[in-house]
Amino acid sequence: MKIPLDYGELEISMHALKKLVYLAVSESYGPVSIESNSPLSLGKILGKEEEKIHVEETGDRSVFVEVYLEVEYGVKIPEVAKNTIDNIKYKLQEIAGAEEVTVNIYIIGVR
């Protein structure tokens, strides 16, 4: 993601954006683990949760995020999803400077 500044341009890598999403998810109440949507995913093989997060730049300062989660047993799944989405949007807008953030959360299990 590129952000124009007065004297140049700031480029934020996809790795940095994935790290922000990972931190937002880990700070949210309810998610137990981040999973992959594919059983043959590189992130699943290597075990890095950050690699299981899908972040895509969709336009100028626009970001699309997909996260597959397992949640803790006994929590309200819609509340967990809403809080996690809000936390991800906040991090990407306030820290990374994204103007438009679209987040899809997929709950794939309960643990």
C-alpha atoms as a PDB file:
ATOM      1  CA  MET A   1       0.000   0.000   0.000  1.00  0.00           C
ATOM      2  CA  LYS A   2       1.436   3.343  -1.016  1.00  0.00           C
ATOM      3  CA  ILE A   3       0.669   6.596   0.774  1.00  0.00           C
ATOM      4  CA  PRO A   4       1.722   9.883  -0.841  1.00  0.00           C
ATOM      5  CA  LEU A   5       3.515  12.297   1.481  1.00  0.00           C
ATOM      6  CA  ASP A   6       4.687  15.891   1.000  1.00  0.00           C
ATOM      7  CA  TYR A   7       8.237  14.884   0.069  1.00  0.00           C
ATOM      8  CA  GLY A   8       7.850  11.400  -1.308  1.00  0.00           C
ATOM      9  CA  GLU A   9       5.921   8.227  -0.823  1.00  0.00           C
ATOM     10  CA  LEU A  10       5.484   5.729   1.994  1.00  0.00           C
ATOM     11  CA  GLU A  11       5.084   2.075   1.022  1.00  0.00           C
ATOM     12  CA  ILE A  12       3.734  -0.405   3.572  1.00  0.00           C
ATOM     13  CA  SER A  13       4.469  -4.040   2.723  1.00  0.00           C
ATOM     14  CA  MET A  14       1.868  -6.808   2.721  1.00  0.00           C
ATOM     15  CA  HIS A  15       3.904  -8.531   5.435  1.00  0.00           C
ATOM     16  CA  ALA A  16       3.494  -5.477   7.682  1.00  0.00           C
ATOM     17  CA  LEU A  17      -0.249  -5.371   6.997  1.00  0.00           C
ATOM     18  CA  LYS A  18      -0.557  -9.092   7.790  1.00  0.00           C
ATOM     19  CA  LYS A  19       1.311  -8.496  11.055  1.00  0.00           C
ATOM     20  CA  LEU A  20      -1.149  -5.719  11.996  1.00  0.00           C
ATOM     21  CA  VAL A  21      -4.091  -8.029  11.240  1.00  0.00           C
ATOM     22  CA  TYR A  22      -2.474 -10.810  13.281  1.00  0.00           C
ATOM     23  CA  LEU A  23      -1.988  -8.448  16.242  1.00  0.00           C
ATOM     24  CA  ALA A  24      -5.596  -7.243  15.964  1.00  0.00           C
ATOM     25  CA  VAL A  25      -6.904 -10.828  15.996  1.00  0.00           C
ATOM     26  CA  SER A  26      -4.661 -11.847  18.891  1.00  0.00           C
ATOM     27  CA  GLU A  27      -5.867  -8.856  20.937  1.00  0.00           C
ATOM     28  CA  SER A  28      -9.526  -9.737  20.328  1.00  0.00           C
ATOM     29  CA  TYR A  29     -11.545 -11.807  22.797  1.00  0.00           C
ATOM     30  CA  GLY A  30     -12.721 -15.181  21.507  1.00  0.00           C
ATOM     31  CA  PRO A  31     -10.437 -16.321  18.673  1.00  0.00           C
ATOM     32  CA  VAL A  32      -8.338 -19.335  19.668  1.00  0.00           C
ATOM     33  CA  SER A  33      -6.358 -19.783  16.462  1.00  0.00           C
ATOM     34  CA  ILE A  34      -6.035 -18.540  12.915  1.00  0.00           C
ATOM     35  CA  GLU A  35      -6.561 -21.293  10.376  1.00  0.00           C
ATOM     36  CA  SER A  36      -6.114 -21.673   6.652  1.00  0.00           C
ATOM     37  CA  ASN A  37      -8.876 -22.026   4.086  1.00  0.00           C
ATOM     38  CA  SER A  38      -6.847 -24.659   2.216  1.00  0.00           C
ATOM     39  CA  PRO A  39      -5.533 -27.929   3.656  1.00  0.00           C
ATOM     40  CA  LEU A  40      -2.403 -27.594   1.480  1.00  0.00           C
ATOM     41  CA  SER A  41      -1.643 -23.985   2.406  1.00  0.00           C
ATOM     42  CA  LEU A  42       1.997 -23.015   2.883  1.00  0.00           C
ATOM     43  CA  GLY A  43       1.087 -21.371   6.203  1.00  0.00           C
ATOM     44  CA  LYS A  44      -0.460 -24.594   7.477  1.00  0.00           C
ATOM     45  CA  ILE A  45       2.701 -26.517   6.601  1.00  0.00           C
ATOM     46  CA  LEU A  46       5.078 -23.954   8.087  1.00  0.00           C
ATOM     47  CA  GLY A  47       2.832 -23.215  11.058  1.00  0.00           C
ATOM     48  CA  LYS A  48       3.091 -19.403  10.945  1.00  0.00           C
ATOM     49  CA  GLU A  49      -0.302 -17.916  11.689  1.00  0.00           C
ATOM     50  CA  GLU A  50       0.544 -14.697   9.843  1.00  0.00           C
ATOM     51  CA  GLU A  51       0.897 -16.663   6.600  1.00  0.00           C
ATOM     52  CA  LYS A  52      -2.672 -17.914   6.988  1.00  0.00           C
ATOM     53  CA  ILE A  53      -4.084 -14.360   6.767  1.00  0.00           C
ATOM     54  CA  HIS A  54      -5.098 -13.144   3.319  1.00  0.00           C
ATOM     55  CA  VAL A  55      -4.496  -9.407   2.739  1.00  0.00           C
ATOM     56  CA  GLU A  56      -4.982  -7.853  -0.669  1.00  0.00           C
ATOM     57  CA  GLU A  57      -4.675  -4.272  -1.856  1.00  0.00           C
ATOM     58  CA  THR A  58      -7.848  -3.505  -3.812  1.00  0.00           C
ATOM     59  CA  GLY A  59      -7.176   0.088  -4.759  1.00  0.00           C
ATOM     60  CA  ASP A  60      -5.555   3.287  -3.635  1.00  0.00           C
ATOM     61  CA  ARG A  61      -5.342   2.932   0.165  1.00  0.00           C
ATOM     62  CA  SER A  62      -7.998   0.197   0.124  1.00  0.00           C
ATOM     63  CA  VAL A  63      -7.407  -3.200   1.705  1.00  0.00           C
ATOM     64  CA  PHE A  64      -9.327  -6.494   1.635  1.00  0.00           C
ATOM     65  CA  VAL A  65      -8.739  -8.999   4.463  1.00  0.00           C
ATOM     66  CA  GLU A  66      -9.872 -12.616   4.900  1.00  0.00           C
ATOM     67  CA  VAL A  67      -9.286 -14.480   8.151  1.00  0.00           C
ATOM     68  CA  TYR A  68     -10.327 -18.025   9.054  1.00  0.00           C
ATOM     69  CA  LEU A  69     -10.720 -18.500  12.813  1.00  0.00           C
ATOM     70  CA  GLU A  70     -11.407 -21.107  15.424  1.00  0.00           C
ATOM     71  CA  VAL A  71     -13.176 -19.602  18.414  1.00  0.00           C
ATOM     72  CA  GLU A  72     -13.376 -20.484  22.062  1.00  0.00           C
ATOM     73  CA  TYR A  73     -16.288 -22.667  23.161  1.00  0.00           C
ATOM     74  CA  GLY A  74     -19.035 -20.718  24.902  1.00  0.00           C
ATOM     75  CA  VAL A  75     -18.489 -17.313  23.284  1.00  0.00           C
ATOM     76  CA  LYS A  76     -21.096 -15.577  21.141  1.00  0.00           C
ATOM     77  CA  ILE A  77     -19.786 -16.126  17.627  1.00  0.00           C
ATOM     78  CA  PRO A  78     -21.437 -13.025  16.063  1.00  0.00           C
ATOM     79  CA  GLU A  79     -19.964 -10.839  18.832  1.00  0.00           C
ATOM     80  CA  VAL A  80     -16.503 -12.342  18.376  1.00  0.00           C
ATOM     81  CA  ALA A  81     -16.695 -11.765  14.615  1.00  0.00           C
ATOM     82  CA  LYS A  82     -17.913  -8.168  15.013  1.00  0.00           C
ATOM     83  CA  ASN A  83     -15.275  -7.283  17.619  1.00  0.00           C
ATOM     84  CA  THR A  84     -12.515  -8.886  15.550  1.00  0.00           C
ATOM     85  CA  ILE A  85     -13.609  -7.026  12.401  1.00  0.00           C
ATOM     86  CA  ASP A  86     -13.756  -3.725  14.291  1.00  0.00           C
ATOM     87  CA  ASN A  87     -10.302  -4.322  15.780  1.00  0.00           C
ATOM     88  CA  ILE A  88      -8.777  -5.178  12.373  1.00  0.00           C
ATOM     89  CA  LYS A  89     -10.361  -2.122  10.739  1.00  0.00           C
ATOM     90  CA  TYR A  90      -9.146   0.145  13.535  1.00  0.00           C
ATOM     91  CA  LYS A  91      -5.548  -1.100  13.298  1.00  0.00           C
ATOM     92  CA  LEU A  92      -5.382  -0.817   9.511  1.00  0.00           C
ATOM     93  CA  GLN A  93      -7.025   2.612   9.398  1.00  0.00           C
ATOM     94  CA  GLU A  94      -5.264   4.227  12.350  1.00  0.00           C
ATOM     95  CA  ILE A  95      -1.819   2.648  12.155  1.00  0.00           C
ATOM     96  CA  ALA A  96      -1.420   1.873   8.447  1.00  0.00           C
ATOM     97  CA  GLY A  97      -3.465   4.757   7.070  1.00  0.00           C
ATOM     98  CA  ALA A  98      -5.873   2.674   4.994  1.00  0.00           C
ATOM     99  CA  GLU A  99      -8.992   4.590   4.024  1.00  0.00           C
ATOM    100  CA  GLU A 100     -11.247   1.689   3.098  1.00  0.00           C
ATOM    101  CA  VAL A 101     -10.957  -1.689   4.823  1.00  0.00           C
ATOM    102  CA  THR A 102     -13.133  -4.690   3.963  1.00  0.00           C
ATOM    103  CA  VAL A 103     -12.878  -7.661   6.326  1.00  0.00           C
ATOM    104  CA  ASN A 104     -14.366 -11.130   5.932  1.00  0.00           C
ATOM    105  CA  ILE A 105     -14.206 -13.427   8.970  1.00  0.00           C
ATOM    106  CA  TYR A 106     -14.897 -17.135   8.556  1.00  0.00           C
ATOM    107  CA  ILE A 107     -15.517 -19.187  11.693  1.00  0.00           C
ATOM    108  CA  ILE A 108     -14.374 -22.695  10.810  1.00  0.00           C
ATOM    109  CA  GLY A 109     -14.396 -24.319  14.214  1.00  0.00           C
ATOM    110  CA  VAL A 110     -15.046 -24.138  17.926  1.00  0.00           C
ATOM    111  CA  ARG A 111     -12.486 -25.337  20.425  1.00  0.00           C
END
